[in-house]
Amino acid sequence: MTHYFVDNRSQPDGAHEVHAVGCKRMASDKQYLGDFLSCEQAVFEARQVYWHVGGCARCMEELTASETARLAQLVFEFRPARA
């Protein structure tokens, strides 16, 4: 398992990047997401905080654009309703 973080400041395109621990591109202004088996799980968790999220190109090479789009749809469809 790996520790993941999300940048609190967005990129120029508006996305908040998710990074694995040790990534040299990780910002100092970040939020700890937790310990996950895959970057896909970390991106899903980050979407609970920020809607527009993407994996860092350097440390998350295995997360493709189609997987990111699929995760966005899952969060939208299965997010529990607030009472």
Protein backbone atom coordinates (compact mmCIF):
# COMPACT_ATOMS: atom_id res chain seq x y z
CA MET A 1 0.00 0.00 0.00
CA THR A 2 1.09 3.54 -0.72
CA HIS A 3 0.33 6.88 0.93
CA TYR A 4 -1.39 9.43 -1.33
CA PHE A 5 -1.91 13.19 -1.17
CA VAL A 6 -3.95 15.74 -3.13
CA ASP A 7 -2.75 19.27 -3.86
CA ASN A 8 -4.96 21.93 -2.25
CA ARG A 9 -4.19 24.35 -5.07
CA SER A 10 -5.48 23.51 -8.50
CA GLN A 11 -3.48 23.35 -11.70
CA PRO A 12 -4.08 25.92 -14.50
CA ASP A 13 -6.79 23.64 -15.93
CA GLY A 14 -8.59 23.58 -12.56
CA ALA A 15 -7.66 20.02 -11.59
CA HIS A 16 -6.23 19.08 -8.21
CA GLU A 17 -3.43 16.54 -8.65
CA VAL A 18 -3.14 13.34 -6.65
CA HIS A 19 0.41 12.23 -5.82
CA ALA A 20 2.00 9.16 -4.29
CA VAL A 21 4.35 9.71 -1.38
CA GLY A 22 7.82 10.66 -2.62
CA CYS A 23 6.68 12.41 -5.80
CA LYS A 24 8.93 15.40 -6.53
CA ARG A 25 6.02 17.34 -8.11
CA MET A 26 3.92 17.23 -4.93
CA ALA A 27 3.07 20.70 -3.61
CA SER A 28 3.83 21.75 -0.05
CA ASP A 29 0.15 22.77 0.33
CA LYS A 30 -1.42 19.31 0.27
CA GLN A 31 -3.94 17.11 2.04
CA TYR A 32 -3.32 13.52 3.11
CA LEU A 33 -5.80 11.12 1.48
CA GLY A 34 -4.74 7.88 3.09
CA ASP A 35 -3.06 4.57 2.33
CA PHE A 36 -4.42 2.82 -0.78
CA LEU A 37 -3.68 -0.22 -2.92
CA SER A 38 -3.96 1.75 -6.16
CA CYS A 39 -3.91 5.29 -7.48
CA GLU A 40 -7.48 4.71 -8.72
CA GLN A 41 -8.64 4.36 -5.12
CA ALA A 42 -6.75 7.52 -4.12
CA VAL A 43 -8.33 9.53 -6.95
CA PHE A 44 -11.77 8.26 -5.91
CA GLU A 45 -11.10 9.44 -2.34
CA ALA A 46 -9.84 12.84 -3.56
CA ARG A 47 -13.10 13.30 -5.46
CA GLN A 48 -14.88 13.38 -2.10
CA VAL A 49 -13.10 16.72 -1.50
CA TYR A 50 -12.53 18.14 -5.01
CA TRP A 51 -14.65 17.32 -8.04
CA HIS A 52 -11.98 18.06 -10.66
CA VAL A 53 -9.13 15.68 -9.77
CA GLY A 54 -6.42 13.99 -11.80
CA GLY A 55 -3.48 11.75 -11.10
CA CYS A 56 0.02 13.13 -11.41
CA ALA A 57 1.49 12.16 -14.79
CA ARG A 58 4.80 11.17 -13.19
CA CYS A 59 3.70 9.06 -10.25
CA MET A 60 0.34 7.80 -11.52
CA GLU A 61 1.11 6.53 -15.00
CA GLU A 62 -1.23 3.57 -14.65
CA LEU A 63 -4.35 5.77 -14.28
CA THR A 64 -5.59 6.54 -17.79
CA ALA A 65 -8.03 9.25 -18.90
CA SER A 66 -10.80 6.70 -19.43
CA GLU A 67 -10.39 5.39 -15.87
CA THR A 68 -10.52 8.96 -14.57
CA ALA A 69 -13.76 9.59 -16.48
CA ARG A 70 -15.24 6.33 -15.18
CA LEU A 71 -14.41 7.32 -11.61
CA ALA A 72 -16.09 10.69 -12.07
CA GLN A 73 -19.26 8.93 -13.17
CA LEU A 74 -19.15 6.51 -10.21
CA VAL A 75 -18.84 9.34 -7.70
CA PHE A 76 -21.77 11.14 -9.30
CA GLU A 77 -24.00 8.06 -9.42
CA PHE A 78 -23.23 6.48 -6.05
CA ARG A 79 -22.52 9.40 -3.74
CA PRO A 80 -24.85 9.06 -0.73
CA ALA A 81 -27.57 11.66 -0.44
CA ARG A 82 -27.32 14.02 2.51
CA ALA A 83 -30.26 14.03 4.87
